[in-house]
Full PDB file with SEQRES, HELIX, SHEET, SSBOND, CRYST1, ORIGX, SCALE, CONECT and MASTER records, all heavy atoms in Angstrom:
SEQRES   1 A   31  ALA GLN VAL SER LEU ARG ILE TRP SER PRO ARG GLY GLU          
SEQRES   2 A   31  PRO VAL VAL THR LEU LEU GLU ASN VAL ALA ARG PRO ALA          
SEQRES   3 A   31  GLY LEU ASN GLN THR                                          
SHEET    1 AA1 2 GLN A   2  TRP A   8  0                                        
SHEET    2 AA1 2 PRO A  14  ALA A  23 -1                                        
CRYST1    1.000    1.000    1.000  90.00  90.00  90.00 P 1           1          
ORIGX1      1.000000  0.000000  0.000000        0.00000                         
ORIGX2      0.000000  1.000000  0.000000        0.00000                         
ORIGX3      0.000000  0.000000  1.000000        0.00000                         
SCALE1      1.000000  0.000000  0.000000        0.00000                         
SCALE2      0.000000  1.000000  0.000000        0.00000                         
SCALE3      0.000000  0.000000  1.000000        0.00000                         
ATOM      1  N   ALA A   1     136.329 206.643 147.836  1.00  0.00           N  
ATOM      2  CA  ALA A   1     136.419 206.277 146.419  1.00  0.00           C  
ATOM      3  C   ALA A   1     135.307 205.315 146.036  1.00  0.00           C  
ATOM      4  O   ALA A   1     134.606 204.781 146.886  1.00  0.00           O  
ATOM      5  CB  ALA A   1     137.771 205.648 146.144  1.00  0.00           C  
ATOM      6  N   GLN A   2     135.180 205.091 144.725  1.00  0.00           N  
ATOM      7  CA  GLN A   2     134.293 204.068 144.164  1.00  0.00           C  
ATOM      8  C   GLN A   2     135.141 202.819 143.939  1.00  0.00           C  
ATOM      9  O   GLN A   2     136.217 202.891 143.339  1.00  0.00           O  
ATOM     10  CB  GLN A   2     133.706 204.533 142.829  1.00  0.00           C  
ATOM     11  CG  GLN A   2     132.849 205.766 142.922  1.00  0.00           C  
ATOM     12  CD  GLN A   2     131.528 205.486 143.611  1.00  0.00           C  
ATOM     13  OE1 GLN A   2     130.924 204.445 143.417  1.00  0.00           O  
ATOM     14  NE2 GLN A   2     131.094 206.419 144.440  1.00  0.00           N  
ATOM     15  N   VAL A   3     134.656 201.663 144.400  1.00  0.00           N  
ATOM     16  CA  VAL A   3     135.455 200.444 144.368  1.00  0.00           C  
ATOM     17  C   VAL A   3     134.728 199.342 143.597  1.00  0.00           C  
ATOM     18  O   VAL A   3     133.524 199.151 143.756  1.00  0.00           O  
ATOM     19  CB  VAL A   3     135.734 199.969 145.819  1.00  0.00           C  
ATOM     20  CG1 VAL A   3     136.482 198.658 145.818  1.00  0.00           C  
ATOM     21  CG2 VAL A   3     136.499 201.027 146.580  1.00  0.00           C  
ATOM     22  N   SER A   4     135.498 198.622 142.776  1.00  0.00           N  
ATOM     23  CA  SER A   4     135.000 197.428 142.090  1.00  0.00           C  
ATOM     24  C   SER A   4     135.935 196.279 142.425  1.00  0.00           C  
ATOM     25  O   SER A   4     137.151 196.456 142.466  1.00  0.00           O  
ATOM     26  CB  SER A   4     134.974 197.634 140.574  1.00  0.00           C  
ATOM     27  OG  SER A   4     134.070 198.648 140.218  1.00  0.00           O  
ATOM     28  N   LEU A   5     135.360 195.098 142.678  1.00  0.00           N  
ATOM     29  CA  LEU A   5     136.152 193.916 143.015  1.00  0.00           C  
ATOM     30  C   LEU A   5     135.616 192.737 142.223  1.00  0.00           C  
ATOM     31  O   LEU A   5     134.450 192.374 142.343  1.00  0.00           O  
ATOM     32  CB  LEU A   5     136.081 193.631 144.518  1.00  0.00           C  
ATOM     33  CG  LEU A   5     136.828 192.407 145.031  1.00  0.00           C  
ATOM     34  CD1 LEU A   5     138.316 192.488 144.699  1.00  0.00           C  
ATOM     35  CD2 LEU A   5     136.612 192.255 146.532  1.00  0.00           C  
ATOM     36  N   ARG A   6     136.490 192.157 141.398  1.00  0.00           N  
ATOM     37  CA  ARG A   6     136.104 191.016 140.555  1.00  0.00           C  
ATOM     38  C   ARG A   6     137.084 189.869 140.771  1.00  0.00           C  
ATOM     39  O   ARG A   6     138.253 190.089 141.039  1.00  0.00           O  
ATOM     40  CB  ARG A   6     136.130 191.421 139.085  1.00  0.00           C  
ATOM     41  CG  ARG A   6     135.088 192.437 138.731  1.00  0.00           C  
ATOM     42  CD  ARG A   6     135.126 192.766 137.238  1.00  0.00           C  
ATOM     43  NE  ARG A   6     134.147 193.769 136.926  1.00  0.00           N  
ATOM     44  CZ  ARG A   6     134.392 195.078 136.924  1.00  0.00           C  
ATOM     45  NH1 ARG A   6     135.593 195.519 137.205  1.00  0.00           N  
ATOM     46  NH2 ARG A   6     133.438 195.933 136.632  1.00  0.00           N  
ATOM     47  N   ILE A   7     136.577 188.663 140.590  1.00  0.00           N  
ATOM     48  CA  ILE A   7     137.405 187.458 140.651  1.00  0.00           C  
ATOM     49  C   ILE A   7     137.447 186.862 139.250  1.00  0.00           C  
ATOM     50  O   ILE A   7     136.408 186.721 138.599  1.00  0.00           O  
ATOM     51  CB  ILE A   7     136.834 186.424 141.649  1.00  0.00           C  
ATOM     52  CG1 ILE A   7     136.598 187.054 143.021  1.00  0.00           C  
ATOM     53  CG2 ILE A   7     137.750 185.204 141.735  1.00  0.00           C  
ATOM     54  CD1 ILE A   7     137.829 187.532 143.738  1.00  0.00           C  
ATOM     55  N   TRP A   8     138.667 186.503 138.799  1.00  0.00           N  
ATOM     56  CA  TRP A   8     138.880 185.948 137.464  1.00  0.00           C  
ATOM     57  C   TRP A   8     139.514 184.567 137.571  1.00  0.00           C  
ATOM     58  O   TRP A   8     140.261 184.298 138.508  1.00  0.00           O  
ATOM     59  CB  TRP A   8     139.827 186.852 136.664  1.00  0.00           C  
ATOM     60  CG  TRP A   8     139.294 188.218 136.431  1.00  0.00           C  
ATOM     61  CD1 TRP A   8     139.404 189.295 137.271  1.00  0.00           C  
ATOM     62  CD2 TRP A   8     138.557 188.677 135.310  1.00  0.00           C  
ATOM     63  NE1 TRP A   8     138.778 190.381 136.722  1.00  0.00           N  
ATOM     64  CE2 TRP A   8     138.255 190.039 135.513  1.00  0.00           C  
ATOM     65  CE3 TRP A   8     138.118 188.067 134.147  1.00  0.00           C  
ATOM     66  CZ2 TRP A   8     137.537 190.789 134.598  1.00  0.00           C  
ATOM     67  CZ3 TRP A   8     137.409 188.830 133.227  1.00  0.00           C  
ATOM     68  CH2 TRP A   8     137.119 190.171 133.461  1.00  0.00           C  
ATOM     69  N   SER A   9     139.226 183.712 136.605  1.00  0.00           N  
ATOM     70  CA  SER A   9     139.872 182.399 136.539  1.00  0.00           C  
ATOM     71  C   SER A   9     141.296 182.596 136.023  1.00  0.00           C  
ATOM     72  O   SER A   9     141.622 183.647 135.463  1.00  0.00           O  
ATOM     73  CB  SER A   9     139.105 181.466 135.595  1.00  0.00           C  
ATOM     74  OG  SER A   9     139.378 181.814 134.247  1.00  0.00           O  
ATOM     75  N   PRO A  10     142.154 181.578 136.161  1.00  0.00           N  
ATOM     76  CA  PRO A  10     143.524 181.683 135.634  1.00  0.00           C  
ATOM     77  C   PRO A  10     143.552 181.840 134.114  1.00  0.00           C  
ATOM     78  O   PRO A  10     144.523 182.314 133.561  1.00  0.00           O  
ATOM     79  CB  PRO A  10     144.179 180.365 136.046  1.00  0.00           C  
ATOM     80  CG  PRO A  10     143.271 179.726 137.022  1.00  0.00           C  
ATOM     81  CD  PRO A  10     141.923 180.343 136.875  1.00  0.00           C  
ATOM     82  N   ARG A  11     142.474 181.464 133.454  1.00  0.00           N  
ATOM     83  CA  ARG A  11     142.380 181.586 131.998  1.00  0.00           C  
ATOM     84  C   ARG A  11     141.806 182.923 131.554  1.00  0.00           C  
ATOM     85  O   ARG A  11     141.571 183.149 130.369  1.00  0.00           O  
ATOM     86  CB  ARG A  11     141.541 180.427 131.447  1.00  0.00           C  
ATOM     87  CG  ARG A  11     142.212 179.068 131.634  1.00  0.00           C  
ATOM     88  CD  ARG A  11     141.273 177.892 131.510  1.00  0.00           C  
ATOM     89  NE  ARG A  11     140.224 177.826 132.514  1.00  0.00           N  
ATOM     90  CZ  ARG A  11     140.388 177.503 133.797  1.00  0.00           C  
ATOM     91  NH1 ARG A  11     141.587 177.227 134.255  1.00  0.00           N  
ATOM     92  NH2 ARG A  11     139.388 177.450 134.637  1.00  0.00           N  
ATOM     93  N   GLY A  12     141.556 183.825 132.518  1.00  0.00           N  
ATOM     94  CA  GLY A  12     141.047 185.153 132.186  1.00  0.00           C  
ATOM     95  C   GLY A  12     139.542 185.226 132.041  1.00  0.00           C  
ATOM     96  O   GLY A  12     139.017 186.214 131.548  1.00  0.00           O  
ATOM     97  N   GLU A  13     138.834 184.194 132.481  1.00  0.00           N  
ATOM     98  CA  GLU A  13     137.370 184.198 132.407  1.00  0.00           C  
ATOM     99  C   GLU A  13     136.796 184.787 133.692  1.00  0.00           C  
ATOM    100  O   GLU A  13     137.282 184.489 134.792  1.00  0.00           O  
ATOM    101  CB  GLU A  13     136.865 182.759 132.234  1.00  0.00           C  
ATOM    102  CG  GLU A  13     137.376 182.104 130.986  1.00  0.00           C  
ATOM    103  CD  GLU A  13     137.294 180.580 131.049  1.00  0.00           C  
ATOM    104  OE1 GLU A  13     137.232 180.028 132.154  1.00  0.00           O  
ATOM    105  OE2 GLU A  13     137.308 179.970 129.970  1.00  0.00           O  
ATOM    106  N   PRO A  14     135.757 185.614 133.597  1.00  0.00           N  
ATOM    107  CA  PRO A  14     135.161 186.177 134.805  1.00  0.00           C  
ATOM    108  C   PRO A  14     134.481 185.093 135.644  1.00  0.00           C  
ATOM    109  O   PRO A  14     133.794 184.229 135.110  1.00  0.00           O  
ATOM    110  CB  PRO A  14     134.137 187.177 134.279  1.00  0.00           C  
ATOM    111  CG  PRO A  14     133.869 186.776 132.879  1.00  0.00           C  
ATOM    112  CD  PRO A  14     135.092 186.061 132.382  1.00  0.00           C  
ATOM    113  N   VAL A  15     134.700 185.123 136.949  1.00  0.00           N  
ATOM    114  CA  VAL A  15     134.084 184.162 137.870  1.00  0.00           C  
ATOM    115  C   VAL A  15     132.922 184.818 138.595  1.00  0.00           C  
ATOM    116  O   VAL A  15     131.807 184.307 138.586  1.00  0.00           O  
ATOM    117  CB  VAL A  15     135.121 183.625 138.884  1.00  0.00           C  
ATOM    118  CG1 VAL A  15     134.464 182.724 139.914  1.00  0.00           C  
ATOM    119  CG2 VAL A  15     136.234 182.889 138.163  1.00  0.00           C  
ATOM    120  N   VAL A  16     133.165 185.955 139.222  1.00  0.00           N  
ATOM    121  CA  VAL A  16     132.122 186.660 139.963  1.00  0.00           C  
ATOM    122  C   VAL A  16     132.536 188.116 140.166  1.00  0.00           C  
ATOM    123  O   VAL A  16     133.725 188.428 140.263  1.00  0.00           O  
ATOM    124  CB  VAL A  16     131.835 185.964 141.322  1.00  0.00           C  
ATOM    125  CG1 VAL A  16     133.002 186.088 142.276  1.00  0.00           C  
ATOM    126  CG2 VAL A  16     130.571 186.477 141.958  1.00  0.00           C  
ATOM    127  N   THR A  17     131.552 188.993 140.203  1.00  0.00           N  
ATOM    128  CA  THR A  17     131.774 190.391 140.564  1.00  0.00           C  
ATOM    129  C   THR A  17     131.221 190.589 141.964  1.00  0.00           C  
ATOM    130  O   THR A  17     130.028 190.380 142.198  1.00  0.00           O  
ATOM    131  CB  THR A  17     131.069 191.350 139.575  1.00  0.00           C  
ATOM    132  OG1 THR A  17     131.628 191.144 138.271  1.00  0.00           O  
ATOM    133  CG2 THR A  17     131.241 192.794 139.985  1.00  0.00           C  
ATOM    134  N   LEU A  18     132.089 190.957 142.890  1.00  0.00           N  
ATOM    135  CA  LEU A  18     131.679 191.140 144.279  1.00  0.00           C  
ATOM    136  C   LEU A  18     131.223 192.569 144.550  1.00  0.00           C  
ATOM    137  O   LEU A  18     130.293 192.788 145.329  1.00  0.00           O  
ATOM    138  CB  LEU A  18     132.825 190.780 145.216  1.00  0.00           C  
ATOM    139  CG  LEU A  18     133.319 189.344 145.100  1.00  0.00           C  
ATOM    140  CD1 LEU A  18     134.567 189.140 145.933  1.00  0.00           C  
ATOM    141  CD2 LEU A  18     132.230 188.376 145.522  1.00  0.00           C  
ATOM    142  N   LEU A  19     131.877 193.535 143.931  1.00  0.00           N  
ATOM    143  CA  LEU A  19     131.521 194.953 144.083  1.00  0.00           C  
ATOM    144  C   LEU A  19     131.589 195.617 142.721  1.00  0.00           C  
ATOM    145  O   LEU A  19     132.493 195.324 141.937  1.00  0.00           O  
ATOM    146  CB  LEU A  19     132.508 195.670 145.010  1.00  0.00           C  
ATOM    147  CG  LEU A  19     132.664 195.153 146.429  1.00  0.00           C  
ATOM    148  CD1 LEU A  19     133.822 195.876 147.104  1.00  0.00           C  
ATOM    149  CD2 LEU A  19     131.391 195.364 147.210  1.00  0.00           C  
ATOM    150  N   GLU A  20     130.665 196.520 142.458  1.00  0.00           N  
ATOM    151  CA  GLU A  20     130.666 197.250 141.191  1.00  0.00           C  
ATOM    152  C   GLU A  20     130.402 198.719 141.484  1.00  0.00           C  
ATOM    153  O   GLU A  20     129.276 199.114 141.776  1.00  0.00           O  
ATOM    154  CB  GLU A  20     129.606 196.697 140.238  1.00  0.00           C  
ATOM    155  CG  GLU A  20     129.616 197.326 138.870  1.00  0.00           C  
ATOM    156  CD  GLU A  20     130.857 196.968 138.058  1.00  0.00           C  
ATOM    157  OE1 GLU A  20     131.310 195.821 138.150  1.00  0.00           O  
ATOM    158  OE2 GLU A  20     131.350 197.841 137.332  1.00  0.00           O  
ATOM    159  N   ASN A  21     131.470 199.517 141.457  1.00  0.00           N  
ATOM    160  CA  ASN A  21     131.388 200.964 141.695  1.00  0.00           C  
ATOM    161  C   ASN A  21     130.644 201.292 142.989  1.00  0.00           C  
ATOM    162  O   ASN A  21     129.732 202.112 143.004  1.00  0.00           O  
ATOM    163  CB  ASN A  21     130.750 201.669 140.506  1.00  0.00           C  
ATOM    164  CG  ASN A  21     131.611 201.563 139.272  1.00  0.00           C  
ATOM    165  OD1 ASN A  21     132.833 201.641 139.342  1.00  0.00           O  
ATOM    166  ND2 ASN A  21     130.993 201.348 138.133  1.00  0.00           N  
ATOM    167  N   VAL A  22     131.048 200.654 144.068  1.00  0.00           N  
ATOM    168  CA  VAL A  22     130.442 200.860 145.385  1.00  0.00           C  
ATOM    169  C   VAL A  22     131.238 201.939 146.125  1.00  0.00           C  
ATOM    170  O   VAL A  22     132.470 201.892 146.148  1.00  0.00           O  
ATOM    171  CB  VAL A  22     130.438 199.552 146.198  1.00  0.00           C  
ATOM    172  CG1 VAL A  22     129.917 199.773 147.600  1.00  0.00           C  
ATOM    173  CG2 VAL A  22     129.615 198.505 145.478  1.00  0.00           C  
ATOM    174  N   ALA A  23     130.542 202.886 146.708  1.00  0.00           N  
ATOM    175  CA  ALA A  23     131.209 203.950 147.466  1.00  0.00           C  
ATOM    176  C   ALA A  23     131.777 203.377 148.761  1.00  0.00           C  
ATOM    177  O   ALA A  23     131.086 202.663 149.490  1.00  0.00           O  
ATOM    178  CB  ALA A  23     130.218 205.067 147.772  1.00  0.00           C  
ATOM    179  N   ARG A  24     133.041 203.691 149.017  1.00  0.00           N  
ATOM    180  CA  ARG A  24     133.699 203.269 150.253  1.00  0.00           C  
ATOM    181  C   ARG A  24     134.324 204.507 150.894  1.00  0.00           C  
ATOM    182  O   ARG A  24     134.924 205.335 150.208  1.00  0.00           O  
ATOM    183  CB  ARG A  24     134.792 202.238 149.984  1.00  0.00           C  
ATOM    184  CG  ARG A  24     134.250 200.882 149.606  1.00  0.00           C  
ATOM    185  CD  ARG A  24     133.617 200.229 150.843  1.00  0.00           C  
ATOM    186  NE  ARG A  24     133.205 198.865 150.579  1.00  0.00           N  
ATOM    187  CZ  ARG A  24     131.942 198.487 150.527  1.00  0.00           C  
ATOM    188  NH1 ARG A  24     130.980 199.363 150.687  1.00  0.00           N  
ATOM    189  NH2 ARG A  24     131.629 197.236 150.304  1.00  0.00           N  
ATOM    190  N   PRO A  25     134.199 204.632 152.221  1.00  0.00           N  
ATOM    191  CA  PRO A  25     134.797 205.778 152.904  1.00  0.00           C  
ATOM    192  C   PRO A  25     136.319 205.642 152.978  1.00  0.00           C  
ATOM    193  O   PRO A  25     136.870 204.573 152.722  1.00  0.00           O  
ATOM    194  CB  PRO A  25     134.176 205.706 154.303  1.00  0.00           C  
ATOM    195  CG  PRO A  25     133.876 204.259 154.496  1.00  0.00           C  
ATOM    196  CD  PRO A  25     133.508 203.736 153.134  1.00  0.00           C  
ATOM    197  N   ALA A  26     136.968 206.726 153.366  1.00  0.00           N  
ATOM    198  CA  ALA A  26     138.419 206.699 153.551  1.00  0.00           C  
ATOM    199  C   ALA A  26     138.781 205.729 154.667  1.00  0.00           C  
ATOM    200  O   ALA A  26     137.989 205.495 155.575  1.00  0.00           O  
ATOM    201  CB  ALA A  26     138.909 208.101 153.890  1.00  0.00           C  
ATOM    202  N   GLY A  27     139.950 205.139 154.583  1.00  0.00           N  
ATOM    203  CA  GLY A  27     140.421 204.234 155.622  1.00  0.00           C  
ATOM    204  C   GLY A  27     140.437 202.795 155.146  1.00  0.00           C  
ATOM    205  O   GLY A  27     140.113 202.485 154.005  1.00  0.00           O  
ATOM    206  N   LEU A  28     140.810 201.916 156.053  1.00  0.00           N  
ATOM    207  CA  LEU A  28     140.917 200.492 155.756  1.00  0.00           C  
ATOM    208  C   LEU A  28     139.533 199.848 155.779  1.00  0.00           C  
ATOM    209  O   LEU A  28     138.804 199.980 156.753  1.00  0.00           O  
ATOM    210  CB  LEU A  28     141.829 199.827 156.795  1.00  0.00           C  
ATOM    211  CG  LEU A  28     142.164 198.366 156.579  1.00  0.00           C  
ATOM    212  CD1 LEU A  28     142.915 198.167 155.274  1.00  0.00           C  
ATOM    213  CD2 LEU A  28     143.008 197.862 157.740  1.00  0.00           C  
ATOM    214  N   ASN A  29     139.174 199.174 154.700  1.00  0.00           N  
ATOM    215  CA  ASN A  29     137.881 198.490 154.591  1.00  0.00           C  
ATOM    216  C   ASN A  29     138.133 197.016 154.310  1.00  0.00           C  
ATOM    217  O   ASN A  29     138.628 196.672 153.249  1.00  0.00           O  
ATOM    218  CB  ASN A  29     137.042 199.090 153.455  1.00  0.00           C  
ATOM    219  CG  ASN A  29     136.616 200.503 153.744  1.00  0.00           C  
ATOM    220  OD1 ASN A  29     135.670 200.725 154.481  1.00  0.00           O  
ATOM    221  ND2 ASN A  29     137.327 201.468 153.192  1.00  0.00           N  
ATOM    222  N   GLN A  30     137.786 196.150 155.253  1.00  0.00           N  
ATOM    223  CA  GLN A  30     138.009 194.721 155.079  1.00  0.00           C  
ATOM    224  C   GLN A  30     136.735 193.922 155.345  1.00  0.00           C  
ATOM    225  O   GLN A  30     136.782 192.799 155.813  1.00  0.00           O  
ATOM    226  CB  GLN A  30     139.118 194.245 156.020  1.00  0.00           C  
ATOM    227  CG  GLN A  30     140.459 194.842 155.703  1.00  0.00           C  
ATOM    228  CD  GLN A  30     141.553 194.295 156.587  1.00  0.00           C  
ATOM    229  OE1 GLN A  30     141.304 193.730 157.642  1.00  0.00           O  
ATOM    230  NE2 GLN A  30     142.784 194.467 156.158  1.00  0.00           N  
ATOM    231  N   THR A  31     135.594 194.472 155.000  1.00  0.00           N  
ATOM    232  CA  THR A  31     134.327 193.802 155.291  1.00  0.00           C  
ATOM    233  C   THR A  31     133.853 192.907 154.160  1.00  0.00           C  
ATOM    234  O   THR A  31     133.013 192.041 154.373  1.00  0.00           O  
ATOM    235  CB  THR A  31     133.230 194.827 155.601  1.00  0.00           C  
ATOM    236  OG1 THR A  31     133.115 195.719 154.491  1.00  0.00           O  
ATOM    237  CG2 THR A  31     133.565 195.620 156.854  1.00  0.00           C  
TER     238      THR A  31                                                      
MASTER        0    0    0    0    2    0    0    6  237    1    0    3          
END                                                                             
């Protein structure tokens, strides 16, 4: 799948985007 991972503040403000539509293979990914 394509994966996006973002961190938000408790007030709903964006803090950082770690991944943006990055291809990840099937299985557990914890890198």
